[in-house]
Amino acid sequence: METCFYREKRTFTKYDRTHIIGYLNEKEATKQEEKEDGEKYYVNGYEYEGTERDGGTVMECEDATDYGEVANAIIRTKYSVSAELALQRHKADGEADTDEWAEYTTWCEYAKTTAKAWFNME
């Protein structure tokens, strides 16, 4: 994973016909910088952690204009379709690991909240 600092918040952009690049795992951060004369100062901004060198994560997404598609793309960064279905089957059968289920539902909520923020739906 790569971590990158930005002064402004990042969201997502269309990467190619079937992918977006999004900036996940946002954390407020402060970074020390230096002027040409050697004077040091602090800058407030945001850190993102992702698979790409710029801290972004490339995600499969057919329609970058659709909130549900974008939220699903975020979910897929951690759970494949088959892994998600297995978790749901185990939950329905009463066999779900409660910690694993809690982690899954927390990630899904994170995906929805992040996608809503990216679409200014909050």
C-alpha atoms as a PDB file:
ATOM      1  CA  MET A   1       0.000   0.000   0.000  1.00  0.00           C
ATOM      2  CA  GLU A   2       1.112   3.531  -0.761  1.00  0.00           C
ATOM      3  CA  THR A   3       0.359   6.617   1.335  1.00  0.00           C
ATOM      4  CA  CYS A   4       0.309  10.137  -0.099  1.00  0.00           C
ATOM      5  CA  PHE A   5      -0.309  13.594   1.398  1.00  0.00           C
ATOM      6  CA  TYR A   6      -2.463  16.242  -0.291  1.00  0.00           C
ATOM      7  CA  ARG A   7      -3.397  19.727   0.846  1.00  0.00           C
ATOM      8  CA  GLU A   8      -6.924  19.350  -0.555  1.00  0.00           C
ATOM      9  CA  LYS A   9      -9.426  16.507  -0.200  1.00  0.00           C
ATOM     10  CA  ARG A  10      -9.395  13.966  -3.012  1.00  0.00           C
ATOM     11  CA  THR A  11     -12.370  11.965  -4.267  1.00  0.00           C
ATOM     12  CA  PHE A  12     -12.383   9.895  -7.441  1.00  0.00           C
ATOM     13  CA  THR A  13     -12.067  10.328 -11.186  1.00  0.00           C
ATOM     14  CA  LYS A  14     -12.730   8.198 -14.215  1.00  0.00           C
ATOM     15  CA  TYR A  15      -9.595   6.144 -14.886  1.00  0.00           C
ATOM     16  CA  ASP A  16     -10.619   4.445 -18.110  1.00  0.00           C
ATOM     17  CA  ARG A  17     -13.794   3.099 -19.700  1.00  0.00           C
ATOM     18  CA  THR A  18     -14.434   0.532 -16.951  1.00  0.00           C
ATOM     19  CA  HIS A  19     -12.465   1.847 -13.949  1.00  0.00           C
ATOM     20  CA  ILE A  20     -12.256   4.745 -11.536  1.00  0.00           C
ATOM     21  CA  ILE A  21      -9.385   5.810  -9.326  1.00  0.00           C
ATOM     22  CA  GLY A  22     -10.508   6.750  -5.845  1.00  0.00           C
ATOM     23  CA  TYR A  23      -8.749   7.977  -2.750  1.00  0.00           C
ATOM     24  CA  LEU A  24      -9.665   5.817   0.237  1.00  0.00           C
ATOM     25  CA  ASN A  25      -8.703   5.607   3.888  1.00  0.00           C
ATOM     26  CA  GLU A  26      -8.679   9.392   4.303  1.00  0.00           C
ATOM     27  CA  LYS A  27      -6.983  10.773   7.393  1.00  0.00           C
ATOM     28  CA  GLU A  28      -6.463  14.384   8.367  1.00  0.00           C
ATOM     29  CA  ALA A  29      -2.738  15.008   8.579  1.00  0.00           C
ATOM     30  CA  THR A  30      -0.128  17.677   9.171  1.00  0.00           C
ATOM     31  CA  LYS A  31       3.083  17.726   7.190  1.00  0.00           C
ATOM     32  CA  GLN A  32       6.240  19.709   7.810  1.00  0.00           C
ATOM     33  CA  GLU A  33       7.565  21.564   4.776  1.00  0.00           C
ATOM     34  CA  GLU A  34      10.508  23.847   4.198  1.00  0.00           C
ATOM     35  CA  LYS A  35      10.740  27.210   2.427  1.00  0.00           C
ATOM     36  CA  GLU A  36      13.638  28.007   0.095  1.00  0.00           C
ATOM     37  CA  ASP A  37      15.367  29.907   2.912  1.00  0.00           C
ATOM     38  CA  GLY A  38      15.274  26.793   5.123  1.00  0.00           C
ATOM     39  CA  GLU A  39      12.435  27.995   7.378  1.00  0.00           C
ATOM     40  CA  LYS A  40      10.173  25.113   8.363  1.00  0.00           C
ATOM     41  CA  TYR A  41       6.404  25.331   8.579  1.00  0.00           C
ATOM     42  CA  TYR A  42       3.441  22.982   8.890  1.00  0.00           C
ATOM     43  CA  VAL A  43       0.707  22.337   6.361  1.00  0.00           C
ATOM     44  CA  ASN A  44      -2.653  20.743   7.170  1.00  0.00           C
ATOM     45  CA  GLY A  45      -4.070  18.317   4.665  1.00  0.00           C
ATOM     46  CA  TYR A  46      -5.132  14.752   4.049  1.00  0.00           C
ATOM     47  CA  GLU A  47      -3.411  11.418   3.671  1.00  0.00           C
ATOM     48  CA  TYR A  48      -4.753   8.644   1.471  1.00  0.00           C
ATOM     49  CA  GLU A  49      -3.680   5.034   1.370  1.00  0.00           C
ATOM     50  CA  GLY A  50      -4.114   2.961  -1.745  1.00  0.00           C
ATOM     51  CA  THR A  51      -2.531   0.569  -4.189  1.00  0.00           C
ATOM     52  CA  GLU A  52      -1.166   3.246  -6.542  1.00  0.00           C
ATOM     53  CA  ARG A  53       1.919   5.430  -6.039  1.00  0.00           C
ATOM     54  CA  ASP A  54      -0.291   8.519  -5.641  1.00  0.00           C
ATOM     55  CA  GLY A  55      -2.248   6.908  -2.790  1.00  0.00           C
ATOM     56  CA  GLY A  56      -5.217   6.128  -5.042  1.00  0.00           C
ATOM     57  CA  THR A  57      -6.882   2.800  -5.713  1.00  0.00           C
ATOM     58  CA  VAL A  58      -8.018   1.741  -9.185  1.00  0.00           C
ATOM     59  CA  MET A  59     -11.445   0.122  -8.975  1.00  0.00           C
ATOM     60  CA  GLU A  60     -13.637  -1.580 -11.530  1.00  0.00           C
ATOM     61  CA  CYS A  61     -16.702   0.583 -12.121  1.00  0.00           C
ATOM     62  CA  GLU A  62     -18.873   0.549 -15.245  1.00  0.00           C
ATOM     63  CA  ASP A  63     -20.763   3.787 -14.479  1.00  0.00           C
ATOM     64  CA  ALA A  64     -18.815   6.444 -12.583  1.00  0.00           C
ATOM     65  CA  THR A  65     -21.950   8.622 -12.457  1.00  0.00           C
ATOM     66  CA  ASP A  66     -23.938   6.106 -10.408  1.00  0.00           C
ATOM     67  CA  TYR A  67     -23.637   6.260  -6.603  1.00  0.00           C
ATOM     68  CA  GLY A  68     -24.474   2.547  -6.191  1.00  0.00           C
ATOM     69  CA  GLU A  69     -21.843   1.489  -8.724  1.00  0.00           C
ATOM     70  CA  VAL A  70     -19.200   3.604  -6.991  1.00  0.00           C
ATOM     71  CA  ALA A  71     -20.130   2.291  -3.535  1.00  0.00           C
ATOM     72  CA  ASN A  72     -19.963  -1.251  -4.906  1.00  0.00           C
ATOM     73  CA  ALA A  73     -16.528  -0.527  -6.433  1.00  0.00           C
ATOM     74  CA  ILE A  74     -15.280   0.496  -2.990  1.00  0.00           C
ATOM     75  CA  ILE A  75     -16.704  -2.683  -1.428  1.00  0.00           C
ATOM     76  CA  ARG A  76     -14.930  -4.756  -4.111  1.00  0.00           C
ATOM     77  CA  THR A  77     -11.552  -3.359  -3.043  1.00  0.00           C
ATOM     78  CA  LYS A  78     -11.847  -5.560   0.036  1.00  0.00           C
ATOM     79  CA  TYR A  79     -14.457  -8.236  -0.819  1.00  0.00           C
ATOM     80  CA  SER A  80     -14.872 -10.146  -4.064  1.00  0.00           C
ATOM     81  CA  VAL A  81     -18.400 -11.075  -5.103  1.00  0.00           C
ATOM     82  CA  SER A  82     -17.842 -14.693  -4.043  1.00  0.00           C
ATOM     83  CA  ALA A  83     -16.392 -13.682  -0.647  1.00  0.00           C
ATOM     84  CA  GLU A  84     -19.330 -11.360  -0.047  1.00  0.00           C
ATOM     85  CA  LEU A  85     -21.873 -14.017  -1.000  1.00  0.00           C
ATOM     86  CA  ALA A  86     -20.151 -16.544   1.274  1.00  0.00           C
ATOM     87  CA  LEU A  87     -20.361 -14.129   4.195  1.00  0.00           C
ATOM     88  CA  GLN A  88     -24.039 -13.512   3.498  1.00  0.00           C
ATOM     89  CA  ARG A  89     -24.777 -17.264   3.198  1.00  0.00           C
ATOM     90  CA  HIS A  90     -23.061 -17.937   6.507  1.00  0.00           C
ATOM     91  CA  LYS A  91     -25.040 -15.122   8.112  1.00  0.00           C
ATOM     92  CA  ALA A  92     -28.320 -16.469   6.720  1.00  0.00           C
ATOM     93  CA  ASP A  93     -27.456 -19.990   7.951  1.00  0.00           C
ATOM     94  CA  GLY A  94     -26.596 -18.652  11.407  1.00  0.00           C
ATOM     95  CA  GLU A  95     -22.968 -19.686  10.964  1.00  0.00           C
ATOM     96  CA  ALA A  96     -21.420 -16.239  10.574  1.00  0.00           C
ATOM     97  CA  ASP A  97     -18.326 -15.311  12.551  1.00  0.00           C
ATOM     98  CA  THR A  98     -19.548 -12.229  14.416  1.00  0.00           C
ATOM     99  CA  ASP A  99     -16.198 -10.412  14.157  1.00  0.00           C
ATOM    100  CA  GLU A 100     -15.940 -11.122  10.433  1.00  0.00           C
ATOM    101  CA  TRP A 101     -19.554 -10.047   9.874  1.00  0.00           C
ATOM    102  CA  ALA A 102     -19.002  -6.836  11.854  1.00  0.00           C
ATOM    103  CA  GLU A 103     -15.881  -6.048   9.806  1.00  0.00           C
ATOM    104  CA  TYR A 104     -17.809  -6.662   6.581  1.00  0.00           C
ATOM    105  CA  THR A 105     -20.771  -4.474   7.543  1.00  0.00           C
ATOM    106  CA  THR A 106     -18.430  -1.726   8.778  1.00  0.00           C
ATOM    107  CA  TRP A 107     -16.638  -1.755   5.404  1.00  0.00           C
ATOM    108  CA  CYS A 108     -19.953  -1.610   3.537  1.00  0.00           C
ATOM    109  CA  GLU A 109     -21.037   1.390   5.617  1.00  0.00           C
ATOM    110  CA  TYR A 110     -17.664   3.034   4.943  1.00  0.00           C
ATOM    111  CA  ALA A 111     -18.168   2.426   1.194  1.00  0.00           C
ATOM    112  CA  LYS A 112     -21.648   3.982   1.237  1.00  0.00           C
ATOM    113  CA  THR A 113     -20.561   6.974   3.338  1.00  0.00           C
ATOM    114  CA  THR A 114     -17.508   7.586   1.143  1.00  0.00           C
ATOM    115  CA  ALA A 115     -19.494   7.334  -2.100  1.00  0.00           C
ATOM    116  CA  LYS A 116     -22.132   9.714  -0.725  1.00  0.00           C
ATOM    117  CA  ALA A 117     -19.415  12.215   0.205  1.00  0.00           C
ATOM    118  CA  TRP A 118     -17.881  11.907  -3.268  1.00  0.00           C
ATOM    119  CA  PHE A 119     -21.291  12.620  -4.812  1.00  0.00           C
ATOM    120  CA  ASN A 120     -22.019  15.419  -2.306  1.00  0.00           C
ATOM    121  CA  MET A 121     -25.056  13.500  -1.035  1.00  0.00           C
ATOM    122  CA  GLU A 122     -24.343  14.034   2.671  1.00  0.00           C
END
